């Protein structure tokens, strides 16, 4: 799955965290970047990363720059 998701190692901090939600609500709007890897939408992931500690803000900013566009 690492190569399918185009993941790479970093020097410090977590690169990927897998969280299992308590309810199904987060998966009402999902994506499947590679077969079998069902993920929250980019917007939900951005919100989750923004609220996460340590490198979450950095990851949220990267996701926003790479995948999310805001209409002005």
C-alpha atoms as a PDB file:
ATOM      1  CA  UNK A   1       0.000   0.000   0.000  1.00  0.00           C
ATOM      2  CA  UNK A   2       2.965   2.349   0.642  1.00  0.00           C
ATOM      3  CA  UNK A   3       3.822   2.537  -3.054  1.00  0.00           C
ATOM      4  CA  UNK A   4       0.159   2.756  -4.125  1.00  0.00           C
ATOM      5  CA  UNK A   5      -0.345   5.835  -1.943  1.00  0.00           C
ATOM      6  CA  UNK A   6       3.016   7.344  -2.948  1.00  0.00           C
ATOM      7  CA  UNK A   7       4.226   7.536   0.664  1.00  0.00           C
ATOM      8  CA  UNK A   8       7.783   8.349   1.672  1.00  0.00           C
ATOM      9  CA  UNK A   9       9.789   8.236   4.905  1.00  0.00           C
ATOM     10  CA  UNK A  10      10.645  11.396   6.827  1.00  0.00           C
ATOM     11  CA  UNK A  11      13.216  12.168   9.468  1.00  0.00           C
ATOM     12  CA  UNK A  12      10.889  12.905  12.393  1.00  0.00           C
ATOM     13  CA  UNK A  13       7.247  12.764  13.395  1.00  0.00           C
ATOM     14  CA  UNK A  14       4.521  10.592  11.972  1.00  0.00           C
ATOM     15  CA  UNK A  15       4.033  10.295   8.261  1.00  0.00           C
ATOM     16  CA  UNK A  16       0.700   8.456   8.239  1.00  0.00           C
ATOM     17  CA  UNK A  17      -1.784   7.807  11.024  1.00  0.00           C
ATOM     18  CA  UNK A  18      -4.719   5.441  10.557  1.00  0.00           C
ATOM     19  CA  UNK A  19      -7.726   6.255  12.748  1.00  0.00           C
ATOM     20  CA  UNK A  20     -10.875   4.177  12.989  1.00  0.00           C
ATOM     21  CA  UNK A  21     -13.901   6.385  13.730  1.00  0.00           C
ATOM     22  CA  UNK A  22     -16.624   5.412  16.203  1.00  0.00           C
ATOM     23  CA  UNK A  23     -19.442   6.095  13.749  1.00  0.00           C
ATOM     24  CA  UNK A  24     -20.024   5.919  10.008  1.00  0.00           C
ATOM     25  CA  UNK A  25     -20.705   9.652   9.529  1.00  0.00           C
ATOM     26  CA  UNK A  26     -17.166  10.487   8.433  1.00  0.00           C
ATOM     27  CA  UNK A  27     -17.433   8.003   5.601  1.00  0.00           C
ATOM     28  CA  UNK A  28     -20.489   9.541   3.962  1.00  0.00           C
ATOM     29  CA  UNK A  29     -18.092  11.366   1.587  1.00  0.00           C
ATOM     30  CA  UNK A  30     -15.093   9.118   0.942  1.00  0.00           C
ATOM     31  CA  UNK A  31     -12.392   8.586  -1.648  1.00  0.00           C
ATOM     32  CA  UNK A  32     -10.528   5.419  -2.642  1.00  0.00           C
ATOM     33  CA  UNK A  33      -7.024   6.536  -3.750  1.00  0.00           C
ATOM     34  CA  UNK A  34      -6.022   2.921  -4.337  1.00  0.00           C
ATOM     35  CA  UNK A  35      -8.137  -0.256  -4.306  1.00  0.00           C
ATOM     36  CA  UNK A  36      -9.003  -1.221  -0.737  1.00  0.00           C
ATOM     37  CA  UNK A  37      -7.825   2.027   0.896  1.00  0.00           C
ATOM     38  CA  UNK A  38     -11.011   3.940   1.688  1.00  0.00           C
ATOM     39  CA  UNK A  39     -10.288   7.371   3.164  1.00  0.00           C
ATOM     40  CA  UNK A  40     -12.141  10.444   4.328  1.00  0.00           C
ATOM     41  CA  UNK A  41     -12.602  13.217   1.806  1.00  0.00           C
ATOM     42  CA  UNK A  42      -9.756  15.719   1.367  1.00  0.00           C
ATOM     43  CA  UNK A  43     -11.856  18.364   3.164  1.00  0.00           C
ATOM     44  CA  UNK A  44     -12.504  16.129   6.202  1.00  0.00           C
ATOM     45  CA  UNK A  45      -8.867  15.092   6.268  1.00  0.00           C
ATOM     46  CA  UNK A  46      -7.819  18.763   6.182  1.00  0.00           C
ATOM     47  CA  UNK A  47     -10.101  19.536   9.140  1.00  0.00           C
ATOM     48  CA  UNK A  48      -8.784  16.560  11.110  1.00  0.00           C
ATOM     49  CA  UNK A  49      -5.160  17.482  10.420  1.00  0.00           C
ATOM     50  CA  UNK A  50      -5.777  21.121  11.372  1.00  0.00           C
ATOM     51  CA  UNK A  51      -6.972  19.968  14.796  1.00  0.00           C
ATOM     52  CA  UNK A  52      -4.149  17.445  15.273  1.00  0.00           C
ATOM     53  CA  UNK A  53      -1.044  18.203  17.276  1.00  0.00           C
ATOM     54  CA  UNK A  54       2.612  18.203  16.269  1.00  0.00           C
ATOM     55  CA  UNK A  55       2.909  18.074  12.480  1.00  0.00           C
ATOM     56  CA  UNK A  56      -0.845  18.199  11.807  1.00  0.00           C
ATOM     57  CA  UNK A  57      -0.850  21.882  10.857  1.00  0.00           C
ATOM     58  CA  UNK A  58       2.049  21.356   8.459  1.00  0.00           C
ATOM     59  CA  UNK A  59       0.299  18.379   6.845  1.00  0.00           C
ATOM     60  CA  UNK A  60      -2.994  20.312   6.609  1.00  0.00           C
ATOM     61  CA  UNK A  61      -1.254  23.182   4.856  1.00  0.00           C
ATOM     62  CA  UNK A  62       0.430  20.783   2.426  1.00  0.00           C
ATOM     63  CA  UNK A  63      -2.911  19.092   1.667  1.00  0.00           C
ATOM     64  CA  UNK A  64      -4.585  22.470   1.132  1.00  0.00           C
ATOM     65  CA  UNK A  65      -1.877  23.585  -1.286  1.00  0.00           C
ATOM     66  CA  UNK A  66      -1.832  20.306  -3.224  1.00  0.00           C
ATOM     67  CA  UNK A  67      -5.473  19.182  -3.319  1.00  0.00           C
ATOM     68  CA  UNK A  68      -7.897  21.859  -2.106  1.00  0.00           C
ATOM     69  CA  UNK A  69      -8.849  25.056  -3.868  1.00  0.00           C
ATOM     70  CA  UNK A  70     -10.922  27.790  -2.303  1.00  0.00           C
ATOM     71  CA  UNK A  71     -13.144  29.970  -4.442  1.00  0.00           C
ATOM     72  CA  UNK A  72     -12.536  33.674  -3.903  1.00  0.00           C
END
